[in-house]
């Protein structure tokens, strides 16, 4: 096909129209926002949300300092990462919201890794296996062989709002009365004041209540469930989850995790440190 001069001029005109105006370079892709892990590394600090009211896992000592098995565990994680650590104290029921709002980088507070929670956050762990138990003044309650023996409409049980223990009472003890509290101290006050018949809680919390108040003649049941405790992390940063899980494995493999468990969970020496 023959191309005349007019065809050539039209082609050059079309190319000129297709070229960017003024010769500017094409726009580049926007820089993605920094990940949670990048923000932590830039800050040089790991922000940890906890309830600080579940001895010996997380608690305040006489000087007001936050301490306990879980606290020493996250300090070990932060040290391994070369980071400072700071604590954000919130009621247990508000901890995951604190993580979602970006106020904290992780949550550790005797939190069971449940499918419902795992649908909202990621979990590293488990770092300890515990279970739901009951602490009560009555030996009959504490010696119950099954949850069904505790399901009595005349009985009242305190449990922490938003906890697997509260869910356990609602599910397994539907005829009994559930009294939800914002913290373990409130539940313990109800039990000591004979306003409830027992506290349904993590086995360690039940055991701690018995150790702290020998004058109350409390008894603790065997655990009714098996509950893996984990560190809650944001669901949108797999690299942060990977890093925490790897360091948690390292602390476990070197024997440091076992040492922390033996130090904090074998007996009640830490009771003297409480206010």
C-alpha atoms as a PDB file:
ATOM      1  CA  UNK A   1       0.000   0.000   0.000  1.00  0.00           C
ATOM      2  CA  UNK A   2       1.381   3.408  -0.980  1.00  0.00           C
ATOM      3  CA  UNK A   3       1.712   6.034   1.778  1.00  0.00           C
ATOM      4  CA  UNK A   4       1.608   9.605   0.606  1.00  0.00           C
ATOM      5  CA  UNK A   5       2.867  12.696   2.432  1.00  0.00           C
ATOM      6  CA  UNK A   6      -0.538  13.277   4.090  1.00  0.00           C
ATOM      7  CA  UNK A   7      -0.476   9.814   5.693  1.00  0.00           C
ATOM      8  CA  UNK A   8       2.922  10.487   7.231  1.00  0.00           C
ATOM      9  CA  UNK A   9       1.823  13.826   8.646  1.00  0.00           C
ATOM     10  CA  UNK A  10      -1.263  12.260  10.253  1.00  0.00           C
ATOM     11  CA  UNK A  11       0.832   9.516  11.849  1.00  0.00           C
ATOM     12  CA  UNK A  12       3.256  12.031  13.365  1.00  0.00           C
ATOM     13  CA  UNK A  13       0.310  14.035  14.685  1.00  0.00           C
ATOM     14  CA  UNK A  14      -1.193  11.008  16.383  1.00  0.00           C
ATOM     15  CA  UNK A  15       2.140  10.144  18.046  1.00  0.00           C
ATOM     16  CA  UNK A  16       2.466  13.693  19.291  1.00  0.00           C
ATOM     17  CA  UNK A  17      -0.997  13.538  20.833  1.00  0.00           C
ATOM     18  CA  UNK A  18      -0.179  10.231  22.545  1.00  0.00           C
ATOM     19  CA  UNK A  19       3.015  11.594  24.140  1.00  0.00           C
ATOM     20  CA  UNK A  20       2.725  12.992  27.725  1.00  0.00           C
ATOM     21  CA  UNK A  21       1.965  16.705  27.780  1.00  0.00           C
ATOM     22  CA  UNK A  22       5.072  18.740  28.423  1.00  0.00           C
ATOM     23  CA  UNK A  23       7.269  15.636  28.312  1.00  0.00           C
ATOM     24  CA  UNK A  24       6.522  14.632  31.949  1.00  0.00           C
ATOM     25  CA  UNK A  25       7.453  11.096  33.065  1.00  0.00           C
ATOM     26  CA  UNK A  26       4.550   8.709  33.729  1.00  0.00           C
ATOM     27  CA  UNK A  27       3.311   8.725  37.349  1.00  0.00           C
ATOM     28  CA  UNK A  28       4.958   6.213  39.675  1.00  0.00           C
ATOM     29  CA  UNK A  29       3.091   3.888  42.075  1.00  0.00           C
ATOM     30  CA  UNK A  30       2.395   5.318  45.552  1.00  0.00           C
ATOM     31  CA  UNK A  31       4.773   4.199  48.293  1.00  0.00           C
ATOM     32  CA  UNK A  32       2.949   1.679  50.504  1.00  0.00           C
ATOM     33  CA  UNK A  33       2.571   2.620  54.177  1.00  0.00           C
ATOM     34  CA  UNK A  34       5.075   1.018  56.539  1.00  0.00           C
ATOM     35  CA  UNK A  35       4.102  -2.356  57.975  1.00  0.00           C
ATOM     36  CA  UNK A  36       3.553  -2.856  61.691  1.00  0.00           C
ATOM     37  CA  UNK A  37       6.952  -4.510  61.952  1.00  0.00           C
ATOM     38  CA  UNK A  38       8.650  -1.589  60.164  1.00  0.00           C
ATOM     39  CA  UNK A  39       6.962   0.854  62.532  1.00  0.00           C
ATOM     40  CA  UNK A  40       8.149  -1.144  65.555  1.00  0.00           C
ATOM     41  CA  UNK A  41      11.732  -1.272  64.270  1.00  0.00           C
ATOM     42  CA  UNK A  42      11.736   2.455  63.486  1.00  0.00           C
ATOM     43  CA  UNK A  43      10.319   3.207  66.937  1.00  0.00           C
ATOM     44  CA  UNK A  44      12.729   0.835  68.652  1.00  0.00           C
ATOM     45  CA  UNK A  45      10.001  -0.144  71.088  1.00  0.00           C
ATOM     46  CA  UNK A  46       7.554  -3.024  71.468  1.00  0.00           C
ATOM     47  CA  UNK A  47       4.218  -1.901  72.935  1.00  0.00           C
ATOM     48  CA  UNK A  48       2.543  -4.682  74.892  1.00  0.00           C
ATOM     49  CA  UNK A  49      -1.108  -4.638  75.997  1.00  0.00           C
ATOM     50  CA  UNK A  50      -1.931  -6.600  79.155  1.00  0.00           C
ATOM     51  CA  UNK A  51      -4.476  -6.605  81.974  1.00  0.00           C
ATOM     52  CA  UNK A  52      -1.893  -6.689  84.820  1.00  0.00           C
ATOM     53  CA  UNK A  53      -4.418  -8.382  87.124  1.00  0.00           C
ATOM     54  CA  UNK A  54      -3.863 -12.112  86.611  1.00  0.00           C
ATOM     55  CA  UNK A  55      -1.124 -13.279  88.978  1.00  0.00           C
ATOM     56  CA  UNK A  56       1.266 -14.936  88.447  1.00  0.00           C
ATOM     57  CA  UNK A  57       0.947 -14.339  84.680  1.00  0.00           C
ATOM     58  CA  UNK A  58       0.627 -10.559  84.674  1.00  0.00           C
ATOM     59  CA  UNK A  59       0.313  -8.325  87.754  1.00  0.00           C
ATOM     60  CA  UNK A  60       1.595  -5.232  89.579  1.00  0.00           C
ATOM     61  CA  UNK A  61       3.977  -5.518  92.497  1.00  0.00           C
ATOM     62  CA  UNK A  62       4.118  -3.331  95.632  1.00  0.00           C
ATOM     63  CA  UNK A  63       5.972  -0.590  93.763  1.00  0.00           C
ATOM     64  CA  UNK A  64       3.415  -0.517  90.955  1.00  0.00           C
ATOM     65  CA  UNK A  65       5.714  -2.194  88.450  1.00  0.00           C
ATOM     66  CA  UNK A  66       4.170  -4.708  86.049  1.00  0.00           C
ATOM     67  CA  UNK A  67       5.640  -8.175  86.511  1.00  0.00           C
ATOM     68  CA  UNK A  68       4.846 -11.872  86.176  1.00  0.00           C
ATOM     69  CA  UNK A  69       5.527 -14.869  83.974  1.00  0.00           C
ATOM     70  CA  UNK A  70       4.053 -13.371  80.797  1.00  0.00           C
ATOM     71  CA  UNK A  71       5.721 -10.035  81.426  1.00  0.00           C
ATOM     72  CA  UNK A  72       9.144 -11.626  81.739  1.00  0.00           C
ATOM     73  CA  UNK A  73       8.406 -13.630  78.595  1.00  0.00           C
ATOM     74  CA  UNK A  74       7.707 -10.539  76.465  1.00  0.00           C
ATOM     75  CA  UNK A  75      10.723  -8.791  77.991  1.00  0.00           C
ATOM     76  CA  UNK A  76      12.820 -11.730  76.804  1.00  0.00           C
ATOM     77  CA  UNK A  77      11.252 -11.424  73.338  1.00  0.00           C
ATOM     78  CA  UNK A  78      11.962  -7.693  73.205  1.00  0.00           C
ATOM     79  CA  UNK A  79      15.560  -8.228  74.353  1.00  0.00           C
ATOM     80  CA  UNK A  80      16.063 -10.845  71.631  1.00  0.00           C
ATOM     81  CA  UNK A  81      14.738  -8.374  69.058  1.00  0.00           C
ATOM     82  CA  UNK A  82      16.898  -5.534  70.378  1.00  0.00           C
ATOM     83  CA  UNK A  83      13.841  -3.470  71.351  1.00  0.00           C
ATOM     84  CA  UNK A  84      12.657  -1.563  74.386  1.00  0.00           C
ATOM     85  CA  UNK A  85       9.321  -2.623  75.841  1.00  0.00           C
ATOM     86  CA  UNK A  86       6.428  -0.547  77.174  1.00  0.00           C
ATOM     87  CA  UNK A  87       3.081  -1.685  78.584  1.00  0.00           C
ATOM     88  CA  UNK A  88      -0.471  -0.586  77.850  1.00  0.00           C
ATOM     89  CA  UNK A  89      -2.777  -1.710  80.687  1.00  0.00           C
ATOM     90  CA  UNK A  90      -6.431  -2.262  79.823  1.00  0.00           C
ATOM     91  CA  UNK A  91      -9.293  -4.438  81.137  1.00  0.00           C
ATOM     92  CA  UNK A  92      -9.198  -7.907  79.604  1.00  0.00           C
ATOM     93  CA  UNK A  93     -12.347  -7.301  77.526  1.00  0.00           C
ATOM     94  CA  UNK A  94     -10.713  -4.253  75.858  1.00  0.00           C
ATOM     95  CA  UNK A  95      -7.351  -5.801  74.966  1.00  0.00           C
ATOM     96  CA  UNK A  96      -8.112  -6.923  71.409  1.00  0.00           C
ATOM     97  CA  UNK A  97      -9.684  -3.543  70.644  1.00  0.00           C
ATOM     98  CA  UNK A  98      -6.459  -1.920  71.855  1.00  0.00           C
ATOM     99  CA  UNK A  99      -4.575  -4.044  69.333  1.00  0.00           C
ATOM    100  CA  UNK A 100      -7.019  -3.223  66.522  1.00  0.00           C
ATOM    101  CA  UNK A 101      -6.787   0.516  67.272  1.00  0.00           C
ATOM    102  CA  UNK A 102      -3.003   0.439  66.949  1.00  0.00           C
ATOM    103  CA  UNK A 103      -2.355   1.364  70.584  1.00  0.00           C
ATOM    104  CA  UNK A 104      -0.348  -1.829  71.089  1.00  0.00           C
ATOM    105  CA  UNK A 105       1.732  -4.177  68.936  1.00  0.00           C
ATOM    106  CA  UNK A 106       0.756  -7.373  70.738  1.00  0.00           C
ATOM    107  CA  UNK A 107      -1.434  -8.654  73.582  1.00  0.00           C
ATOM    108  CA  UNK A 108      -0.453 -11.072  76.334  1.00  0.00           C
ATOM    109  CA  UNK A 109      -2.812 -11.705  79.250  1.00  0.00           C
ATOM    110  CA  UNK A 110      -3.604 -15.370  79.753  1.00  0.00           C
ATOM    111  CA  UNK A 111      -5.481 -15.305  76.449  1.00  0.00           C
ATOM    112  CA  UNK A 112      -6.656 -18.624  75.050  1.00  0.00           C
ATOM    113  CA  UNK A 113      -6.172 -19.133  71.313  1.00  0.00           C
ATOM    114  CA  UNK A 114      -9.788 -19.756  70.263  1.00  0.00           C
ATOM    115  CA  UNK A 115     -11.129 -19.957  66.685  1.00  0.00           C
ATOM    116  CA  UNK A 116     -13.356 -16.933  67.362  1.00  0.00           C
ATOM    117  CA  UNK A 117     -10.419 -14.795  68.459  1.00  0.00           C
ATOM    118  CA  UNK A 118      -8.216 -16.189  65.701  1.00  0.00           C
ATOM    119  CA  UNK A 119     -10.792 -14.918  63.193  1.00  0.00           C
ATOM    120  CA  UNK A 120      -9.925 -11.387  64.403  1.00  0.00           C
ATOM    121  CA  UNK A 121      -6.206 -11.591  65.237  1.00  0.00           C
ATOM    122  CA  UNK A 122      -3.168 -13.776  64.646  1.00  0.00           C
ATOM    123  CA  UNK A 123      -1.625 -15.821  67.451  1.00  0.00           C
ATOM    124  CA  UNK A 124       1.953 -16.835  68.225  1.00  0.00           C
ATOM    125  CA  UNK A 125       2.371 -19.776  70.560  1.00  0.00           C
ATOM    126  CA  UNK A 126       1.238 -21.532  72.581  1.00  0.00           C
ATOM    127  CA  UNK A 127       3.710 -20.719  75.327  1.00  0.00           C
ATOM    128  CA  UNK A 128       1.681 -22.512  78.026  1.00  0.00           C
ATOM    129  CA  UNK A 129      -1.209 -24.977  78.204  1.00  0.00           C
ATOM    130  CA  UNK A 130      -3.765 -24.274  80.926  1.00  0.00           C
ATOM    131  CA  UNK A 131      -7.483 -24.867  81.430  1.00  0.00           C
ATOM    132  CA  UNK A 132     -10.692 -23.556  82.935  1.00  0.00           C
ATOM    133  CA  UNK A 133     -11.216 -24.434  86.611  1.00  0.00           C
ATOM    134  CA  UNK A 134     -13.318 -23.311  89.583  1.00  0.00           C
ATOM    135  CA  UNK A 135     -12.150 -21.886  92.909  1.00  0.00           C
ATOM    136  CA  UNK A 136     -14.710 -21.983  95.717  1.00  0.00           C
ATOM    137  CA  UNK A 137     -15.190 -22.177  99.478  1.00  0.00           C
ATOM    138  CA  UNK A 138     -17.189 -25.366  99.039  1.00  0.00           C
ATOM    139  CA  UNK A 139     -15.287 -28.631  98.720  1.00  0.00           C
ATOM    140  CA  UNK A 140     -18.305 -30.090  96.936  1.00  0.00           C
ATOM    141  CA  UNK A 141     -17.905 -27.530  94.134  1.00  0.00           C
ATOM    142  CA  UNK A 142     -14.129 -27.888  93.918  1.00  0.00           C
ATOM    143  CA  UNK A 143     -14.318 -31.689  93.899  1.00  0.00           C
ATOM    144  CA  UNK A 144     -16.832 -31.862  91.053  1.00  0.00           C
ATOM    145  CA  UNK A 145     -15.755 -34.514  88.554  1.00  0.00           C
ATOM    146  CA  UNK A 146     -17.601 -32.923  85.651  1.00  0.00           C
ATOM    147  CA  UNK A 147     -19.069 -29.571  84.693  1.00  0.00           C
ATOM    148  CA  UNK A 148     -22.549 -31.065  84.843  1.00  0.00           C
ATOM    149  CA  UNK A 149     -22.243 -31.388  88.629  1.00  0.00           C
ATOM    150  CA  UNK A 150     -21.837 -27.592  88.854  1.00  0.00           C
ATOM    151  CA  UNK A 151     -24.904 -26.762  86.756  1.00  0.00           C
ATOM    152  CA  UNK A 152     -27.299 -25.869  89.553  1.00  0.00           C
ATOM    153  CA  UNK A 153     -29.766 -22.920  89.437  1.00  0.00           C
ATOM    154  CA  UNK A 154     -28.948 -22.214  93.086  1.00  0.00           C
ATOM    155  CA  UNK A 155     -25.259 -21.564  92.314  1.00  0.00           C
ATOM    156  CA  UNK A 156     -23.660 -18.293  91.193  1.00  0.00           C
ATOM    157  CA  UNK A 157     -20.314 -18.125  89.370  1.00  0.00           C
ATOM    158  CA  UNK A 158     -18.188 -15.063  88.670  1.00  0.00           C
ATOM    159  CA  UNK A 159     -16.184 -14.942  85.449  1.00  0.00           C
ATOM    160  CA  UNK A 160     -14.267 -12.306  83.533  1.00  0.00           C
ATOM    161  CA  UNK A 161     -16.188 -10.466  80.807  1.00  0.00           C
ATOM    162  CA  UNK A 162     -15.096 -11.594  77.351  1.00  0.00           C
ATOM    163  CA  UNK A 163     -13.180 -14.602  78.666  1.00  0.00           C
ATOM    164  CA  UNK A 164     -13.386 -18.258  77.691  1.00  0.00           C
ATOM    165  CA  UNK A 165     -14.388 -18.857  81.320  1.00  0.00           C
ATOM    166  CA  UNK A 166     -17.540 -16.751  80.906  1.00  0.00           C
ATOM    167  CA  UNK A 167     -18.270 -18.631  77.685  1.00  0.00           C
ATOM    168  CA  UNK A 168     -17.743 -21.914  79.547  1.00  0.00           C
ATOM    169  CA  UNK A 169     -20.338 -20.985  82.188  1.00  0.00           C
ATOM    170  CA  UNK A 170     -22.847 -19.879  79.551  1.00  0.00           C
ATOM    171  CA  UNK A 171     -22.320 -23.038  77.525  1.00  0.00           C
ATOM    172  CA  UNK A 172     -21.780 -25.745  80.139  1.00  0.00           C
ATOM    173  CA  UNK A 173     -23.650 -24.339  83.159  1.00  0.00           C
ATOM    174  CA  UNK A 174     -26.759 -22.773  81.603  1.00  0.00           C
ATOM    175  CA  UNK A 175     -28.927 -23.230  84.712  1.00  0.00           C
ATOM    176  CA  UNK A 176     -26.431 -21.545  87.048  1.00  0.00           C
ATOM    177  CA  UNK A 177     -26.187 -17.765  87.343  1.00  0.00           C
ATOM    178  CA  UNK A 178     -23.257 -16.075  85.588  1.00  0.00           C
ATOM    179  CA  UNK A 179     -21.918 -12.879  87.199  1.00  0.00           C
ATOM    180  CA  UNK A 180     -19.487 -11.140  84.848  1.00  0.00           C
ATOM    181  CA  UNK A 181     -16.747  -8.844  86.173  1.00  0.00           C
ATOM    182  CA  UNK A 182     -14.269  -6.485  84.534  1.00  0.00           C
ATOM    183  CA  UNK A 183     -11.275  -7.881  86.414  1.00  0.00           C
ATOM    184  CA  UNK A 184     -10.186 -10.770  88.624  1.00  0.00           C
ATOM    185  CA  UNK A 185      -9.958  -8.628  91.754  1.00  0.00           C
ATOM    186  CA  UNK A 186     -13.670  -7.851  91.502  1.00  0.00           C
ATOM    187  CA  UNK A 187     -14.476 -11.545  91.079  1.00  0.00           C
ATOM    188  CA  UNK A 188     -12.326 -12.433  94.070  1.00  0.00           C
ATOM    189  CA  UNK A 189     -14.040  -9.783  96.191  1.00  0.00           C
ATOM    190  CA  UNK A 190     -17.416 -11.294  95.301  1.00  0.00           C
ATOM    191  CA  UNK A 191     -16.235 -14.764  96.321  1.00  0.00           C
ATOM    192  CA  UNK A 192     -14.683 -13.604  99.597  1.00  0.00           C
ATOM    193  CA  UNK A 193     -17.858 -11.658 100.352  1.00  0.00           C
ATOM    194  CA  UNK A 194     -20.014 -14.751  99.739  1.00  0.00           C
ATOM    195  CA  UNK A 195     -21.817 -12.977  96.893  1.00  0.00           C
ATOM    196  CA  UNK A 196     -20.943 -15.803  94.486  1.00  0.00           C
ATOM    197  CA  UNK A 197     -20.311 -19.489  95.099  1.00  0.00           C
ATOM    198  CA  UNK A 198     -17.229 -19.751  92.930  1.00  0.00           C
ATOM    199  CA  UNK A 199     -14.998 -18.143  90.357  1.00  0.00           C
ATOM    200  CA  UNK A 200     -14.626 -19.820  86.984  1.00  0.00           C
ATOM    201  CA  UNK A 201     -11.243 -18.839  85.610  1.00  0.00           C
ATOM    202  CA  UNK A 202      -7.934 -20.043  84.290  1.00  0.00           C
ATOM    203  CA  UNK A 203      -6.491 -22.735  86.567  1.00  0.00           C
ATOM    204  CA  UNK A 204      -3.485 -20.545  87.430  1.00  0.00           C
ATOM    205  CA  UNK A 205      -5.753 -17.678  88.491  1.00  0.00           C
ATOM    206  CA  UNK A 206      -7.795 -20.043  90.661  1.00  0.00           C
ATOM    207  CA  UNK A 207      -4.644 -21.437  92.251  1.00  0.00           C
ATOM    208  CA  UNK A 208      -3.318 -17.924  92.865  1.00  0.00           C
ATOM    209  CA  UNK A 209      -6.551 -16.964  94.653  1.00  0.00           C
ATOM    210  CA  UNK A 210      -6.175 -19.956  96.967  1.00  0.00           C
ATOM    211  CA  UNK A 211      -2.534 -19.097  97.713  1.00  0.00           C
ATOM    212  CA  UNK A 212      -3.297 -15.412  98.330  1.00  0.00           C
ATOM    213  CA  UNK A 213      -6.121 -16.045 100.795  1.00  0.00           C
ATOM    214  CA  UNK A 214      -5.313 -19.085 102.941  1.00  0.00           C
ATOM    215  CA  UNK A 215      -7.646 -17.718 105.637  1.00  0.00           C
ATOM    216  CA  UNK A 216     -10.629 -18.162 103.285  1.00  0.00           C
ATOM    217  CA  UNK A 217     -10.124 -21.935 103.046  1.00  0.00           C
ATOM    218  CA  UNK A 218     -10.554 -21.960  99.268  1.00  0.00           C
ATOM    219  CA  UNK A 219     -10.348 -25.072  97.115  1.00  0.00           C
ATOM    220  CA  UNK A 220      -9.596 -25.420  93.402  1.00  0.00           C
ATOM    221  CA  UNK A 221     -11.019 -27.967  91.001  1.00  0.00           C
ATOM    222  CA  UNK A 222      -9.062 -29.813  88.363  1.00  0.00           C
ATOM    223  CA  UNK A 223      -9.251 -28.085  84.944  1.00  0.00           C
ATOM    224  CA  UNK A 224     -12.368 -28.912  82.922  1.00  0.00           C
ATOM    225  CA  UNK A 225     -10.844 -27.797  79.605  1.00  0.00           C
ATOM    226  CA  UNK A 226      -7.498 -27.667  77.812  1.00  0.00           C
ATOM    227  CA  UNK A 227      -6.615 -24.146  76.721  1.00  0.00           C
ATOM    228  CA  UNK A 228      -3.473 -23.072  74.839  1.00  0.00           C
ATOM    229  CA  UNK A 229      -2.328 -19.562  75.781  1.00  0.00           C
ATOM    230  CA  UNK A 230      -0.926 -17.391  73.009  1.00  0.00           C
ATOM    231  CA  UNK A 231       0.328 -13.921  72.092  1.00  0.00           C
ATOM    232  CA  UNK A 232      -2.236 -11.983  70.037  1.00  0.00           C
ATOM    233  CA  UNK A 233      -0.856 -10.028  67.079  1.00  0.00           C
ATOM    234  CA  UNK A 234      -2.320  -7.900  64.268  1.00  0.00           C
ATOM    235  CA  UNK A 235      -3.792  -9.993  61.475  1.00  0.00           C
ATOM    236  CA  UNK A 236      -2.427  -7.661  58.766  1.00  0.00           C
ATOM    237  CA  UNK A 237       1.315  -8.257  59.226  1.00  0.00           C
ATOM    238  CA  UNK A 238       2.488 -11.845  58.638  1.00  0.00           C
ATOM    239  CA  UNK A 239       6.134 -10.762  58.958  1.00  0.00           C
ATOM    240  CA  UNK A 240       5.568  -9.580  62.550  1.00  0.00           C
ATOM    241  CA  UNK A 241       3.817 -12.857  63.370  1.00  0.00           C
ATOM    242  CA  UNK A 242       6.689 -14.794  61.792  1.00  0.00           C
ATOM    243  CA  UNK A 243       9.303 -12.879  63.797  1.00  0.00           C
ATOM    244  CA  UNK A 244       7.543 -13.285  67.152  1.00  0.00           C
ATOM    245  CA  UNK A 245       6.868 -16.982  66.523  1.00  0.00           C
ATOM    246  CA  UNK A 246      10.506 -17.588  65.576  1.00  0.00           C
ATOM    247  CA  UNK A 247      11.831 -15.870  68.696  1.00  0.00           C
ATOM    248  CA  UNK A 248       9.278 -17.718  70.821  1.00  0.00           C
ATOM    249  CA  UNK A 249      10.575 -21.001  69.389  1.00  0.00           C
ATOM    250  CA  UNK A 250      14.134 -19.907  70.171  1.00  0.00           C
ATOM    251  CA  UNK A 251      13.288 -19.062  73.780  1.00  0.00           C
ATOM    252  CA  UNK A 252      11.625 -22.469  74.060  1.00  0.00           C
ATOM    253  CA  UNK A 253      14.459 -24.408  72.372  1.00  0.00           C
ATOM    254  CA  UNK A 254      17.146 -22.833  74.572  1.00  0.00           C
ATOM    255  CA  UNK A 255      15.300 -23.782  77.766  1.00  0.00           C
ATOM    256  CA  UNK A 256      14.581 -20.185  78.765  1.00  0.00           C
ATOM    257  CA  UNK A 257      10.815 -20.690  78.546  1.00  0.00           C
ATOM    258  CA  UNK A 258      10.980 -23.704  80.853  1.00  0.00           C
ATOM    259  CA  UNK A 259      13.063 -21.709  83.324  1.00  0.00           C
ATOM    260  CA  UNK A 260      10.492 -18.909  83.344  1.00  0.00           C
ATOM    261  CA  UNK A 261       7.678 -21.395  83.905  1.00  0.00           C
ATOM    262  CA  UNK A 262       9.533 -23.075  86.773  1.00  0.00           C
ATOM    263  CA  UNK A 263      10.351 -19.705  88.350  1.00  0.00           C
ATOM    264  CA  UNK A 264       6.836 -18.239  88.243  1.00  0.00           C
ATOM    265  CA  UNK A 265       4.384 -21.136  88.174  1.00  0.00           C
ATOM    266  CA  UNK A 266       5.763 -23.803  90.515  1.00  0.00           C
ATOM    267  CA  UNK A 267       4.753 -22.107  93.783  1.00  0.00           C
ATOM    268  CA  UNK A 268       3.568 -18.848  95.285  1.00  0.00           C
ATOM    269  CA  UNK A 269       6.853 -17.132  96.223  1.00  0.00           C
ATOM    270  CA  UNK A 270       5.677 -14.033  94.309  1.00  0.00           C
ATOM    271  CA  UNK A 271       2.808 -13.481  96.772  1.00  0.00           C
ATOM    272  CA  UNK A 272       5.147 -11.440  98.953  1.00  0.00           C
ATOM    273  CA  UNK A 273       5.638  -9.047  96.024  1.00  0.00           C
ATOM    274  CA  UNK A 274       1.949  -8.187  95.728  1.00  0.00           C
ATOM    275  CA  UNK A 275       0.463  -5.038  97.318  1.00  0.00           C
END
